[in-house]
C-alpha atoms as a PDB file:
ATOM      1  CA  UNK A   1     108.519 105.864  89.884  1.00  0.00           C
ATOM      2  CA  UNK A   2     105.836 104.405  87.760  1.00  0.00           C
ATOM      3  CA  UNK A   3     102.324 104.507  89.337  1.00  0.00           C
ATOM      4  CA  UNK A   4     100.129 101.571  88.406  1.00  0.00           C
ATOM      5  CA  UNK A   5      97.379 102.418  90.954  1.00  0.00           C
ATOM      6  CA  UNK A   6      94.929 103.509  88.406  1.00  0.00           C
ATOM      7  CA  UNK A   7      95.049 100.266  86.633  1.00  0.00           C
ATOM      8  CA  UNK A   8      93.952  98.413  89.834  1.00  0.00           C
ATOM      9  CA  UNK A   9      90.791 100.495  89.913  1.00  0.00           C
ATOM     10  CA  UNK A  10      87.600  98.480  89.357  1.00  0.00           C
ATOM     11  CA  UNK A  11      85.733  99.696  86.267  1.00  0.00           C
ATOM     12  CA  UNK A  12      82.758  98.454  84.321  1.00  0.00           C
ATOM     13  CA  UNK A  13      81.414  99.260  80.842  1.00  0.00           C
ATOM     14  CA  UNK A  14      78.705 101.254  82.551  1.00  0.00           C
ATOM     15  CA  UNK A  15      81.181 103.342  84.605  1.00  0.00           C
ATOM     16  CA  UNK A  16      83.326 104.036  81.505  1.00  0.00           C
ATOM     17  CA  UNK A  17      80.233 105.019  79.529  1.00  0.00           C
ATOM     18  CA  UNK A  18      79.087 107.381  82.384  1.00  0.00           C
ATOM     19  CA  UNK A  19      82.596 109.042  82.281  1.00  0.00           C
ATOM     20  CA  UNK A  20      82.384 109.574  78.532  1.00  0.00           C
ATOM     21  CA  UNK A  21      78.906 111.114  78.782  1.00  0.00           C
ATOM     22  CA  UNK A  22      79.910 113.363  81.679  1.00  0.00           C
ATOM     23  CA  UNK A  23      82.709 114.826  79.588  1.00  0.00           C
ATOM     24  CA  UNK A  24      80.167 115.735  76.959  1.00  0.00           C
ATOM     25  CA  UNK A  25      78.065 117.429  79.485  1.00  0.00           C
ATOM     26  CA  UNK A  26      81.020 119.135  81.056  1.00  0.00           C
ATOM     27  CA  UNK A  27      82.006 120.456  77.618  1.00  0.00           C
ATOM     28  CA  UNK A  28      78.571 122.137  77.234  1.00  0.00           C
ATOM     29  CA  UNK A  29      77.678 120.068  74.171  1.00  0.00           C
ATOM     30  CA  UNK A  30      73.896 119.754  73.519  1.00  0.00           C
ATOM     31  CA  UNK A  31      73.827 116.134  72.336  1.00  0.00           C
ATOM     32  CA  UNK A  32      71.049 113.576  72.799  1.00  0.00           C
ATOM     33  CA  UNK A  33      72.483 110.763  75.026  1.00  0.00           C
ATOM     34  CA  UNK A  34      69.178 109.109  75.917  1.00  0.00           C
ATOM     35  CA  UNK A  35      69.052 105.350  75.840  1.00  0.00           C
ATOM     36  CA  UNK A  36      68.735 104.183  72.328  1.00  0.00           C
ATOM     37  CA  UNK A  37      70.033 107.373  70.741  1.00  0.00           C
ATOM     38  CA  UNK A  38      72.886 107.309  68.178  1.00  0.00           C
ATOM     39  CA  UNK A  39      75.215 108.745  70.718  1.00  0.00           C
ATOM     40  CA  UNK A  40      74.165 106.220  73.369  1.00  0.00           C
ATOM     41  CA  UNK A  41      74.823 103.370  70.921  1.00  0.00           C
ATOM     42  CA  UNK A  42      78.226 104.628  69.819  1.00  0.00           C
ATOM     43  CA  UNK A  43      79.247 105.304  73.492  1.00  0.00           C
ATOM     44  CA  UNK A  44      78.011 101.911  74.668  1.00  0.00           C
ATOM     45  CA  UNK A  45      80.097 100.052  72.171  1.00  0.00           C
ATOM     46  CA  UNK A  46      83.140 102.283  72.695  1.00  0.00           C
ATOM     47  CA  UNK A  47      82.759 101.805  76.508  1.00  0.00           C
ATOM     48  CA  UNK A  48      82.725  98.010  76.112  1.00  0.00           C
ATOM     49  CA  UNK A  49      85.848  97.938  73.961  1.00  0.00           C
ATOM     50  CA  UNK A  50      87.645 100.230  76.377  1.00  0.00           C
ATOM     51  CA  UNK A  51      86.607  97.849  79.180  1.00  0.00           C
ATOM     52  CA  UNK A  52      88.044  94.893  77.298  1.00  0.00           C
ATOM     53  CA  UNK A  53      91.290  96.692  76.677  1.00  0.00           C
ATOM     54  CA  UNK A  54      91.471  97.698  80.334  1.00  0.00           C
ATOM     55  CA  UNK A  55      91.061  94.079  81.489  1.00  0.00           C
ATOM     56  CA  UNK A  56      93.869  92.948  79.027  1.00  0.00           C
ATOM     57  CA  UNK A  57      96.061  95.725  80.264  1.00  0.00           C
ATOM     58  CA  UNK A  58      95.739  94.373  83.914  1.00  0.00           C
ATOM     59  CA  UNK A  59      96.591  90.946  82.720  1.00  0.00           C
ATOM     60  CA  UNK A  60      99.668  92.218  80.807  1.00  0.00           C
ATOM     61  CA  UNK A  61     100.706  94.279  83.988  1.00  0.00           C
ATOM     62  CA  UNK A  62     100.435  91.102  86.131  1.00  0.00           C
ATOM     63  CA  UNK A  63     102.716  89.358  83.559  1.00  0.00           C
ATOM     64  CA  UNK A  64     105.255  92.172  83.128  1.00  0.00           C
ATOM     65  CA  UNK A  65     105.529  93.200  86.804  1.00  0.00           C
ATOM     66  CA  UNK A  66     104.581  90.038  88.743  1.00  0.00           C
ATOM     67  CA  UNK A  67     103.146  90.380  92.253  1.00  0.00           C
ATOM     68  CA  UNK A  68     101.895  88.036  94.932  1.00  0.00           C
ATOM     69  CA  UNK A  69      98.600  87.704  93.050  1.00  0.00           C
ATOM     70  CA  UNK A  70     100.003  87.108  89.554  1.00  0.00           C
ATOM     71  CA  UNK A  71      99.253  83.352  89.516  1.00  0.00           C
ATOM     72  CA  UNK A  72     100.772  81.550  86.495  1.00  0.00           C
ATOM     73  CA  UNK A  73     102.737  84.556  85.418  1.00  0.00           C
ATOM     74  CA  UNK A  74     104.714  84.293  88.620  1.00  0.00           C
ATOM     75  CA  UNK A  75     105.938  80.782  87.550  1.00  0.00           C
ATOM     76  CA  UNK A  76     106.867  82.166  84.096  1.00  0.00           C
ATOM     77  CA  UNK A  77     108.741  85.012  85.646  1.00  0.00           C
ATOM     78  CA  UNK A  78     110.625  82.769  88.185  1.00  0.00           C
ATOM     79  CA  UNK A  79     111.511  80.391  85.305  1.00  0.00           C
ATOM     80  CA  UNK A  80     113.865  83.067  84.060  1.00  0.00           C
ATOM     81  CA  UNK A  81     115.980  82.524  87.150  1.00  0.00           C
ATOM     82  CA  UNK A  82     115.711  78.818  87.215  1.00  0.00           C
ATOM     83  CA  UNK A  83     113.203  78.747  90.099  1.00  0.00           C
ATOM     84  CA  UNK A  84     110.104  76.630  90.340  1.00  0.00           C
ATOM     85  CA  UNK A  85     107.209  76.608  92.688  1.00  0.00           C
ATOM     86  CA  UNK A  86     107.636  74.031  95.597  1.00  0.00           C
ATOM     87  CA  UNK A  87     105.177  71.247  94.775  1.00  0.00           C
ATOM     88  CA  UNK A  88     102.695  69.604  97.243  1.00  0.00           C
ATOM     89  CA  UNK A  89     104.062  66.518  98.931  1.00  0.00           C
ATOM     90  CA  UNK A  90     102.387  63.397 100.223  1.00  0.00           C
ATOM     91  CA  UNK A  91     102.087  62.448 103.929  1.00  0.00           C
ATOM     92  CA  UNK A  92     103.219  58.991 105.320  1.00  0.00           C
ATOM     93  CA  UNK A  93     102.016  56.981 108.229  1.00  0.00           C
ATOM     94  CA  UNK A  94     102.814  53.601 109.705  1.00  0.00           C
ATOM     95  CA  UNK A  95      99.662  51.499 110.155  1.00  0.00           C
ATOM     96  CA  UNK A  96      99.327  48.719 112.705  1.00  0.00           C
ATOM     97  CA  UNK A  97      96.810  45.950 111.885  1.00  0.00           C
ATOM     98  CA  UNK A  98      95.396  43.408 114.331  1.00  0.00           C
ATOM     99  CA  UNK A  99      93.645  40.195 113.650  1.00  0.00           C
ATOM    100  CA  UNK A 100      94.211  36.408 113.001  1.00  0.00           C
ATOM    101  CA  UNK A 101      97.731  35.108 112.329  1.00  0.00           C
ATOM    102  CA  UNK A 102      98.232  34.426 108.625  1.00  0.00           C
ATOM    103  CA  UNK A 103      95.881  37.090 107.463  1.00  0.00           C
ATOM    104  CA  UNK A 104      97.318  38.915 104.493  1.00  0.00           C
ATOM    105  CA  UNK A 105      96.990  42.798 103.995  1.00  0.00           C
ATOM    106  CA  UNK A 106      97.862  43.339 100.359  1.00  0.00           C
ATOM    107  CA  UNK A 107      99.797  46.254  99.134  1.00  0.00           C
ATOM    108  CA  UNK A 108      97.508  49.080  98.072  1.00  0.00           C
ATOM    109  CA  UNK A 109      95.020  48.345 100.833  1.00  0.00           C
ATOM    110  CA  UNK A 110      93.024  51.575 101.477  1.00  0.00           C
ATOM    111  CA  UNK A 111      92.532  52.721 105.065  1.00  0.00           C
ATOM    112  CA  UNK A 112      90.656  55.805 105.993  1.00  0.00           C
ATOM    113  CA  UNK A 113      90.197  58.367 108.817  1.00  0.00           C
ATOM    114  CA  UNK A 114      86.514  59.030 110.035  1.00  0.00           C
ATOM    115  CA  UNK A 115      86.640  62.238 107.783  1.00  0.00           C
ATOM    116  CA  UNK A 116      87.521  60.165 104.753  1.00  0.00           C
ATOM    117  CA  UNK A 117      91.186  60.806 104.245  1.00  0.00           C
ATOM    118  CA  UNK A 118      92.636  57.873 102.436  1.00  0.00           C
ATOM    119  CA  UNK A 119      95.980  56.140 102.842  1.00  0.00           C
ATOM    120  CA  UNK A 120      97.246  53.166 100.715  1.00  0.00           C
ATOM    121  CA  UNK A 121      99.705  50.589 102.087  1.00  0.00           C
ATOM    122  CA  UNK A 122     103.062  50.500 100.392  1.00  0.00           C
ATOM    123  CA  UNK A 123     103.822  46.929 101.067  1.00  0.00           C
ATOM    124  CA  UNK A 124     102.013  43.520 101.540  1.00  0.00           C
ATOM    125  CA  UNK A 125     102.228  42.259 105.199  1.00  0.00           C
ATOM    126  CA  UNK A 126     101.023  39.249 107.036  1.00  0.00           C
ATOM    127  CA  UNK A 127      99.716  39.212 110.548  1.00  0.00           C
ATOM    128  CA  UNK A 128     101.893  37.319 112.989  1.00  0.00           C
ATOM    129  CA  UNK A 129     101.463  37.095 116.757  1.00  0.00           C
ATOM    130  CA  UNK A 130      98.263  39.065 116.303  1.00  0.00           C
ATOM    131  CA  UNK A 131      99.609  42.240 114.618  1.00  0.00           C
ATOM    132  CA  UNK A 132     101.294  43.480 111.540  1.00  0.00           C
ATOM    133  CA  UNK A 133     102.702  46.941 110.613  1.00  0.00           C
ATOM    134  CA  UNK A 134     102.903  48.490 107.158  1.00  0.00           C
ATOM    135  CA  UNK A 135     103.987  51.932 105.826  1.00  0.00           C
ATOM    136  CA  UNK A 136     101.221  53.778 103.956  1.00  0.00           C
ATOM    137  CA  UNK A 137     101.081  56.898 101.830  1.00  0.00           C
ATOM    138  CA  UNK A 138      98.303  59.347 101.479  1.00  0.00           C
ATOM    139  CA  UNK A 139      96.308  59.227  98.130  1.00  0.00           C
ATOM    140  CA  UNK A 140      96.452  62.916  97.704  1.00  0.00           C
ATOM    141  CA  UNK A 141      99.170  65.353  98.561  1.00  0.00           C
ATOM    142  CA  UNK A 142      98.697  68.110 101.155  1.00  0.00           C
ATOM    143  CA  UNK A 143      99.252  69.174 104.677  1.00  0.00           C
ATOM    144  CA  UNK A 144      95.807  67.947 105.732  1.00  0.00           C
ATOM    145  CA  UNK A 145      96.996  64.462 105.587  1.00  0.00           C
ATOM    146  CA  UNK A 146      99.475  65.034 108.480  1.00  0.00           C
ATOM    147  CA  UNK A 147      96.849  63.378 110.653  1.00  0.00           C
ATOM    148  CA  UNK A 148      97.023  62.757 114.402  1.00  0.00           C
ATOM    149  CA  UNK A 149      98.040  59.511 115.842  1.00  0.00           C
ATOM    150  CA  UNK A 150      95.058  57.065 116.150  1.00  0.00           C
ATOM    151  CA  UNK A 151      93.209  58.818 113.346  1.00  0.00           C
ATOM    152  CA  UNK A 152      93.412  56.123 110.619  1.00  0.00           C
ATOM    153  CA  UNK A 153      90.773  53.582 111.900  1.00  0.00           C
ATOM    154  CA  UNK A 154      88.652  52.313 108.973  1.00  0.00           C
ATOM    155  CA  UNK A 155      88.970  50.035 105.982  1.00  0.00           C
ATOM    156  CA  UNK A 156      87.544  50.894 102.606  1.00  0.00           C
ATOM    157  CA  UNK A 157      87.067  47.100 102.000  1.00  0.00           C
ATOM    158  CA  UNK A 158      86.756  44.464 104.748  1.00  0.00           C
ATOM    159  CA  UNK A 159      89.834  42.099 104.799  1.00  0.00           C
ATOM    160  CA  UNK A 160      89.126  38.478 105.973  1.00  0.00           C
ATOM    161  CA  UNK A 161      90.952  37.909 109.240  1.00  0.00           C
ATOM    162  CA  UNK A 162      91.791  41.505 109.820  1.00  0.00           C
ATOM    163  CA  UNK A 163      89.983  43.156 112.818  1.00  0.00           C
ATOM    164  CA  UNK A 164      91.321  46.607 113.200  1.00  0.00           C
ATOM    165  CA  UNK A 165      93.742  49.193 112.019  1.00  0.00           C
ATOM    166  CA  UNK A 166      95.311  52.382 113.557  1.00  0.00           C
ATOM    167  CA  UNK A 167      98.364  54.626 113.168  1.00  0.00           C
ATOM    168  CA  UNK A 168     100.474  54.784 116.429  1.00  0.00           C
ATOM    169  CA  UNK A 169     102.186  57.909 115.156  1.00  0.00           C
ATOM    170  CA  UNK A 170     101.108  61.035 113.297  1.00  0.00           C
ATOM    171  CA  UNK A 171     101.204  61.397 109.538  1.00  0.00           C
ATOM    172  CA  UNK A 172     104.334  63.249 108.460  1.00  0.00           C
ATOM    173  CA  UNK A 173     105.734  64.918 105.321  1.00  0.00           C
ATOM    174  CA  UNK A 174     102.450  66.192 103.899  1.00  0.00           C
ATOM    175  CA  UNK A 175     102.719  69.804 102.487  1.00  0.00           C
ATOM    176  CA  UNK A 176     100.527  71.996 100.314  1.00  0.00           C
ATOM    177  CA  UNK A 177     101.822  73.366  97.072  1.00  0.00           C
ATOM    178  CA  UNK A 178     103.554  76.710  97.482  1.00  0.00           C
ATOM    179  CA  UNK A 179     101.174  79.581  97.600  1.00  0.00           C
ATOM    180  CA  UNK A 180     101.540  82.669  95.403  1.00  0.00           C
ATOM    181  CA  UNK A 181     102.491  84.828  98.342  1.00  0.00           C
ATOM    182  CA  UNK A 182     105.184  82.455  99.618  1.00  0.00           C
ATOM    183  CA  UNK A 183     106.633  81.974  96.029  1.00  0.00           C
ATOM    184  CA  UNK A 184     106.690  85.733  95.422  1.00  0.00           C
ATOM    185  CA  UNK A 185     108.443  86.294  98.745  1.00  0.00           C
ATOM    186  CA  UNK A 186     110.989  83.582  97.849  1.00  0.00           C
ATOM    187  CA  UNK A 187     111.609  85.205  94.419  1.00  0.00           C
ATOM    188  CA  UNK A 188     112.061  88.574  95.985  1.00  0.00           C
ATOM    189  CA  UNK A 189     114.457  87.131  98.510  1.00  0.00           C
ATOM    190  CA  UNK A 190     116.436  85.585  95.632  1.00  0.00           C
ATOM    191  CA  UNK A 191     116.745  88.871  93.848  1.00  0.00           C
ATOM    192  CA  UNK A 192     117.365  91.091  96.882  1.00  0.00           C
ATOM    193  CA  UNK A 193     119.748  88.924  98.722  1.00  0.00           C
ATOM    194  CA  UNK A 194     122.564  87.899  96.255  1.00  0.00           C
ATOM    195  CA  UNK A 195     123.640  84.221  96.538  1.00  0.00           C
ATOM    196  CA  UNK A 196     127.216  83.218  96.477  1.00  0.00           C
ATOM    197  CA  UNK A 197     128.357  79.653  96.781  1.00  0.00           C
ATOM    198  CA  UNK A 198     128.285  78.814 100.481  1.00  0.00           C
ATOM    199  CA  UNK A 199     127.036  82.093 101.950  1.00  0.00           C
ATOM    200  CA  UNK A 200     124.112  82.151 104.338  1.00  0.00           C
ATOM    201  CA  UNK A 201     121.549  83.145 101.552  1.00  0.00           C
ATOM    202  CA  UNK A 202     122.695  80.181  99.553  1.00  0.00           C
ATOM    203  CA  UNK A 203     121.727  77.596 102.225  1.00  0.00           C
ATOM    204  CA  UNK A 204     118.465  79.382 103.159  1.00  0.00           C
ATOM    205  CA  UNK A 205     117.286  79.383  99.507  1.00  0.00           C
ATOM    206  CA  UNK A 206     118.353  75.735  99.045  1.00  0.00           C
ATOM    207  CA  UNK A 207     116.489  74.572 102.158  1.00  0.00           C
ATOM    208  CA  UNK A 208     113.315  76.545 100.963  1.00  0.00           C
ATOM    209  CA  UNK A 209     113.087  74.322  97.844  1.00  0.00           C
ATOM    210  CA  UNK A 210     111.899  71.556 100.175  1.00  0.00           C
ATOM    211  CA  UNK A 211     108.050  70.981 100.205  1.00  0.00           C
ATOM    212  CA  UNK A 212     106.630  72.173 103.510  1.00  0.00           C
ATOM    213  CA  UNK A 213     109.535  74.563 104.220  1.00  0.00           C
ATOM    214  CA  UNK A 214     108.548  78.170 104.063  1.00  0.00           C
ATOM    215  CA  UNK A 215     111.335  79.638 106.358  1.00  0.00           C
ATOM    216  CA  UNK A 216     114.915  78.978 106.873  1.00  0.00           C
ATOM    217  CA  UNK A 217     117.708  80.583 108.849  1.00  0.00           C
ATOM    218  CA  UNK A 218     121.441  79.811 108.447  1.00  0.00           C
ATOM    219  CA  UNK A 219     123.617  79.665 111.516  1.00  0.00           C
ATOM    220  CA  UNK A 220     127.314  79.413 110.469  1.00  0.00           C
ATOM    221  CA  UNK A 221     130.055  77.985 112.468  1.00  0.00           C
ATOM    222  CA  UNK A 222     127.499  76.757 114.952  1.00  0.00           C
ATOM    223  CA  UNK A 223     129.654  73.669 116.013  1.00  0.00           C
ATOM    224  CA  UNK A 224     133.186  74.784 114.865  1.00  0.00           C
ATOM    225  CA  UNK A 225     134.910  75.584 111.655  1.00  0.00           C
ATOM    226  CA  UNK A 226     133.084  74.289 108.513  1.00  0.00           C
ATOM    227  CA  UNK A 227     129.799  73.527 110.228  1.00  0.00           C
ATOM    228  CA  UNK A 228     126.497  75.144 109.192  1.00  0.00           C
ATOM    229  CA  UNK A 229     123.165  74.821 110.857  1.00  0.00           C
ATOM    230  CA  UNK A 230     119.951  75.550 108.794  1.00  0.00           C
ATOM    231  CA  UNK A 231     116.894  76.075 111.063  1.00  0.00           C
ATOM    232  CA  UNK A 232     113.597  75.255 109.221  1.00  0.00           C
ATOM    233  CA  UNK A 233     109.945  76.365 109.661  1.00  0.00           C
ATOM    234  CA  UNK A 234     106.699  76.034 107.755  1.00  0.00           C
ATOM    235  CA  UNK A 235     105.338  78.766 105.750  1.00  0.00           C
ATOM    236  CA  UNK A 236     103.228  79.993 108.754  1.00  0.00           C
ATOM    237  CA  UNK A 237     106.330  79.861 110.906  1.00  0.00           C
ATOM    238  CA  UNK A 238     105.704  76.494 112.810  1.00  0.00           C
ATOM    239  CA  UNK A 239     108.044  73.645 113.507  1.00  0.00           C
ATOM    240  CA  UNK A 240     108.257  71.104 110.769  1.00  0.00           C
ATOM    241  CA  UNK A 241     108.110  67.307 111.169  1.00  0.00           C
ATOM    242  CA  UNK A 242     111.128  64.956 110.954  1.00  0.00           C
ATOM    243  CA  UNK A 243     110.275  63.811 107.493  1.00  0.00           C
ATOM    244  CA  UNK A 244     110.461  67.308 106.067  1.00  0.00           C
ATOM    245  CA  UNK A 245     113.748  67.802 107.874  1.00  0.00           C
ATOM    246  CA  UNK A 246     115.093  64.665 106.260  1.00  0.00           C
ATOM    247  CA  UNK A 247     114.005  65.829 102.866  1.00  0.00           C
ATOM    248  CA  UNK A 248     115.595  69.212 103.417  1.00  0.00           C
ATOM    249  CA  UNK A 249     118.858  67.564 104.653  1.00  0.00           C
ATOM    250  CA  UNK A 250     119.081  65.594 101.398  1.00  0.00           C
ATOM    251  CA  UNK A 251     118.676  68.796  99.316  1.00  0.00           C
ATOM    252  CA  UNK A 252     121.381  70.507 101.389  1.00  0.00           C
ATOM    253  CA  UNK A 253     123.708  67.665 101.147  1.00  0.00           C
ATOM    254  CA  UNK A 254     123.459  67.596  97.374  1.00  0.00           C
ATOM    255  CA  UNK A 255     123.985  71.321  97.179  1.00  0.00           C
ATOM    256  CA  UNK A 256     126.464  72.027  99.967  1.00  0.00           C
ATOM    257  CA  UNK A 257     129.947  73.322  99.317  1.00  0.00           C
ATOM    258  CA  UNK A 258     132.713  70.790  99.430  1.00  0.00           C
ATOM    259  CA  UNK A 259     133.990  70.511 102.902  1.00  0.00           C
ATOM    260  CA  UNK A 260     131.027  72.030 104.616  1.00  0.00           C
ATOM    261  CA  UNK A 261     129.071  70.036 107.259  1.00  0.00           C
ATOM    262  CA  UNK A 262     125.469  71.157 106.939  1.00  0.00           C
ATOM    263  CA  UNK A 263     122.830  70.226 109.428  1.00  0.00           C
ATOM    264  CA  UNK A 264     119.173  70.714 108.972  1.00  0.00           C
ATOM    265  CA  UNK A 265     116.951  71.039 112.108  1.00  0.00           C
ATOM    266  CA  UNK A 266     113.378  72.058 112.769  1.00  0.00           C
ATOM    267  CA  UNK A 267     112.709  75.253 114.730  1.00  0.00           C
ATOM    268  CA  UNK A 268     111.839  74.671 118.320  1.00  0.00           C
ATOM    269  CA  UNK A 269     108.460  75.564 119.560  1.00  0.00           C
ATOM    270  CA  UNK A 270     108.326  78.153 122.367  1.00  0.00           C
ATOM    271  CA  UNK A 271     104.964  77.329 123.771  1.00  0.00           C
ATOM    272  CA  UNK A 272     103.159  80.266 125.297  1.00  0.00           C
ATOM    273  CA  UNK A 273     100.205  80.329 127.560  1.00  0.00           C
ATOM    274  CA  UNK A 274      98.188  83.430 128.292  1.00  0.00           C
ATOM    275  CA  UNK A 275      96.160  83.908 131.421  1.00  0.00           C
ATOM    276  CA  UNK A 276      94.310  86.915 132.808  1.00  0.00           C
ATOM    277  CA  UNK A 277      91.272  88.085 134.730  1.00  0.00           C
ATOM    278  CA  UNK A 278      88.970  90.351 132.674  1.00  0.00           C
ATOM    279  CA  UNK A 279      86.149  92.673 133.290  1.00  0.00           C
ATOM    280  CA  UNK A 280      83.714  91.937 130.542  1.00  0.00           C
ATOM    281  CA  UNK A 281      80.670  93.716 129.242  1.00  0.00           C
ATOM    282  CA  UNK A 282      77.237  92.248 130.142  1.00  0.00           C
ATOM    283  CA  UNK A 283      76.529  89.135 128.040  1.00  0.00           C
ATOM    284  CA  UNK A 284      80.062  88.703 126.834  1.00  0.00           C
ATOM    285  CA  UNK A 285      81.333  85.147 127.312  1.00  0.00           C
ATOM    286  CA  UNK A 286      84.968  84.351 128.298  1.00  0.00           C
ATOM    287  CA  UNK A 287      85.291  81.626 125.753  1.00  0.00           C
ATOM    288  CA  UNK A 288      84.389  84.201 122.954  1.00  0.00           C
ATOM    289  CA  UNK A 289      87.176  86.504 124.180  1.00  0.00           C
ATOM    290  CA  UNK A 290      89.559  83.550 124.384  1.00  0.00           C
ATOM    291  CA  UNK A 291      88.838  82.624 120.763  1.00  0.00           C
ATOM    292  CA  UNK A 292      89.219  86.238 119.464  1.00  0.00           C
ATOM    293  CA  UNK A 293      92.477  86.841 121.473  1.00  0.00           C
ATOM    294  CA  UNK A 294      93.841  83.555 120.184  1.00  0.00           C
ATOM    295  CA  UNK A 295      93.377  84.573 116.609  1.00  0.00           C
ATOM    296  CA  UNK A 296      94.979  87.962 117.224  1.00  0.00           C
ATOM    297  CA  UNK A 297      98.037  86.382 118.999  1.00  0.00           C
ATOM    298  CA  UNK A 298      98.589  83.917 116.361  1.00  0.00           C
ATOM    299  CA  UNK A 299      98.705  86.632 113.777  1.00  0.00           C
ATOM    300  CA  UNK A 300     101.054  88.603 115.985  1.00  0.00           C
ATOM    301  CA  UNK A 301     103.376  85.586 116.272  1.00  0.00           C
ATOM    302  CA  UNK A 302     103.220  84.902 112.545  1.00  0.00           C
ATOM    303  CA  UNK A 303     104.278  88.558 111.679  1.00  0.00           C
ATOM    304  CA  UNK A 304     107.323  88.226 113.893  1.00  0.00           C
ATOM    305  CA  UNK A 305     110.610  87.931 111.872  1.00  0.00           C
ATOM    306  CA  UNK A 306     111.773  84.311 111.740  1.00  0.00           C
ATOM    307  CA  UNK A 307     115.313  83.410 112.827  1.00  0.00           C
ATOM    308  CA  UNK A 308     116.024  86.307 115.177  1.00  0.00           C
ATOM    309  CA  UNK A 309     116.339  86.722 118.899  1.00  0.00           C
ATOM    310  CA  UNK A 310     113.074  88.546 119.836  1.00  0.00           C
ATOM    311  CA  UNK A 311     110.820  89.387 122.771  1.00  0.00           C
ATOM    312  CA  UNK A 312     107.223  88.643 123.169  1.00  0.00           C
ATOM    313  CA  UNK A 313     106.089  91.788 125.041  1.00  0.00           C
ATOM    314  CA  UNK A 314     103.450  91.769 127.661  1.00  0.00           C
ATOM    315  CA  UNK A 315     102.157  95.162 126.597  1.00  0.00           C
ATOM    316  CA  UNK A 316     101.630  93.970 123.025  1.00  0.00           C
ATOM    317  CA  UNK A 317      99.500  91.020 124.317  1.00  0.00           C
ATOM    318  CA  UNK A 318      97.538  93.504 126.556  1.00  0.00           C
ATOM    319  CA  UNK A 319      96.925  95.779 123.538  1.00  0.00           C
ATOM    320  CA  UNK A 320      95.313  92.890 121.592  1.00  0.00           C
ATOM    321  CA  UNK A 321      93.363  91.893 124.721  1.00  0.00           C
ATOM    322  CA  UNK A 322      91.825  95.195 125.108  1.00  0.00           C
ATOM    323  CA  UNK A 323      90.931  95.314 121.350  1.00  0.00           C
ATOM    324  CA  UNK A 324      88.694  92.184 121.822  1.00  0.00           C
ATOM    325  CA  UNK A 325      84.964  92.683 121.842  1.00  0.00           C
ATOM    326  CA  UNK A 326      83.527  93.212 125.257  1.00  0.00           C
ATOM    327  CA  UNK A 327      86.733  93.551 127.185  1.00  0.00           C
ATOM    328  CA  UNK A 328      86.565  96.582 129.675  1.00  0.00           C
ATOM    329  CA  UNK A 329      89.600  96.029 131.621  1.00  0.00           C
ATOM    330  CA  UNK A 330      92.087  93.294 132.663  1.00  0.00           C
ATOM    331  CA  UNK A 331      94.348  92.321 135.593  1.00  0.00           C
ATOM    332  CA  UNK A 332      97.097  89.861 136.443  1.00  0.00           C
ATOM    333  CA  UNK A 333      98.061  89.242 132.778  1.00  0.00           C
ATOM    334  CA  UNK A 334     100.686  86.449 132.549  1.00  0.00           C
ATOM    335  CA  UNK A 335     102.695  84.806 129.960  1.00  0.00           C
ATOM    336  CA  UNK A 336     103.656  81.253 130.959  1.00  0.00           C
ATOM    337  CA  UNK A 337     102.595  82.028 134.467  1.00  0.00           C
ATOM    338  CA  UNK A 338     104.872  84.986 134.719  1.00  0.00           C
ATOM    339  CA  UNK A 339     103.819  88.707 134.555  1.00  0.00           C
ATOM    340  CA  UNK A 340     106.801  89.574 132.415  1.00  0.00           C
ATOM    341  CA  UNK A 341     107.984  89.626 128.805  1.00  0.00           C
ATOM    342  CA  UNK A 342     109.255  86.305 127.169  1.00  0.00           C
ATOM    343  CA  UNK A 343     112.336  86.041 125.087  1.00  0.00           C
ATOM    344  CA  UNK A 344     112.817  83.735 122.185  1.00  0.00           C
ATOM    345  CA  UNK A 345     116.027  82.586 120.538  1.00  0.00           C
ATOM    346  CA  UNK A 346     116.980  82.416 116.900  1.00  0.00           C
ATOM    347  CA  UNK A 347     116.039  78.727 116.744  1.00  0.00           C
ATOM    348  CA  UNK A 348     112.576  79.189 118.359  1.00  0.00           C
ATOM    349  CA  UNK A 349     109.178  80.081 117.050  1.00  0.00           C
ATOM    350  CA  UNK A 350     106.358  81.306 119.340  1.00  0.00           C
ATOM    351  CA  UNK A 351     103.445  78.707 119.453  1.00  0.00           C
ATOM    352  CA  UNK A 352     100.217  79.578 121.257  1.00  0.00           C
ATOM    353  CA  UNK A 353      99.548  76.776 123.727  1.00  0.00           C
ATOM    354  CA  UNK A 354      96.484  78.246 125.275  1.00  0.00           C
ATOM    355  CA  UNK A 355      94.419  81.347 126.393  1.00  0.00           C
ATOM    356  CA  UNK A 356      92.513  81.353 129.630  1.00  0.00           C
ATOM    357  CA  UNK A 357      90.221  84.240 130.532  1.00  0.00           C
ATOM    358  CA  UNK A 358      88.751  84.396 133.968  1.00  0.00           C
ATOM    359  CA  UNK A 359      85.764  86.793 134.372  1.00  0.00           C
ATOM    360  CA  UNK A 360      86.089  89.158 137.246  1.00  0.00           C
ATOM    361  CA  UNK A 361      86.754  92.724 138.331  1.00  0.00           C
ATOM    362  CA  UNK A 362      84.375  95.536 138.929  1.00  0.00           C
END
């Protein structure tokens, strides 16, 4: 097996020069290597040229043997197999305007969240009976525009006769462009799990072409002969919204085998609450432990294999609890109010709903 570990070593012109000089010394040669000497000048230039060649070699390696950090070379490699990075997609909301009857909200009206996220209305609407609704699209693609209900409350420019705006439902459909790590994993899956028309890998890889879908699991014959269910999750193994499910369904319908009835669904959230009583070191606050444990559990959930029956074990939660700063001991650890393991199904993903630490003990 080829070993590329040496190429990943960080070097500088200075470290290369030092290595060259050390070899002279080790050979017992009595040569003047003081700064400004002839040997020093020669070795300084040689070290710099070696350094440049070293950097080019690392670039060539990233292009020849792509990895999760190969950036644009990953796209070039994937292109040989007809694969493209999943692009970012824009979020959509429905805006409700209130004001005087007859007031017109033109298409392209910009409304904002307090943090400055901008949405443009897709249609011109006129207020009647005090309200009007219009679909709106985020100005920029990205998951950050999947805003909560009631978040879009401001106008960029005041509209005569229009008093307020809000979004009754959350933003949906926004997704970030596929990351290098996700794209690499998808390429690896494509090459390691051979696709045949209509097999489980075929539908999973087809579904993962949808912006916002990072995980997919095929369940064949879920509702009788010819039926296929494809369970979807985000790159961080969370449920996806209905707009993303709809987009995935369209892709699956276009690529499905003739006669197959393919249904796309979002993974179901298995909400998990964690409660316990802890003995804490002096000066340690419960909320700090809650925050640290939450991060550890979210990482634990994300590392679990998607699309399998699995168990969330109490002892694994306890292990992470005891690793938190300032936790001496614990008692009465519970998951969803039960002092026992939790089971998740193929179609579920664990979602942390809350962590409550009660100080106590000796």
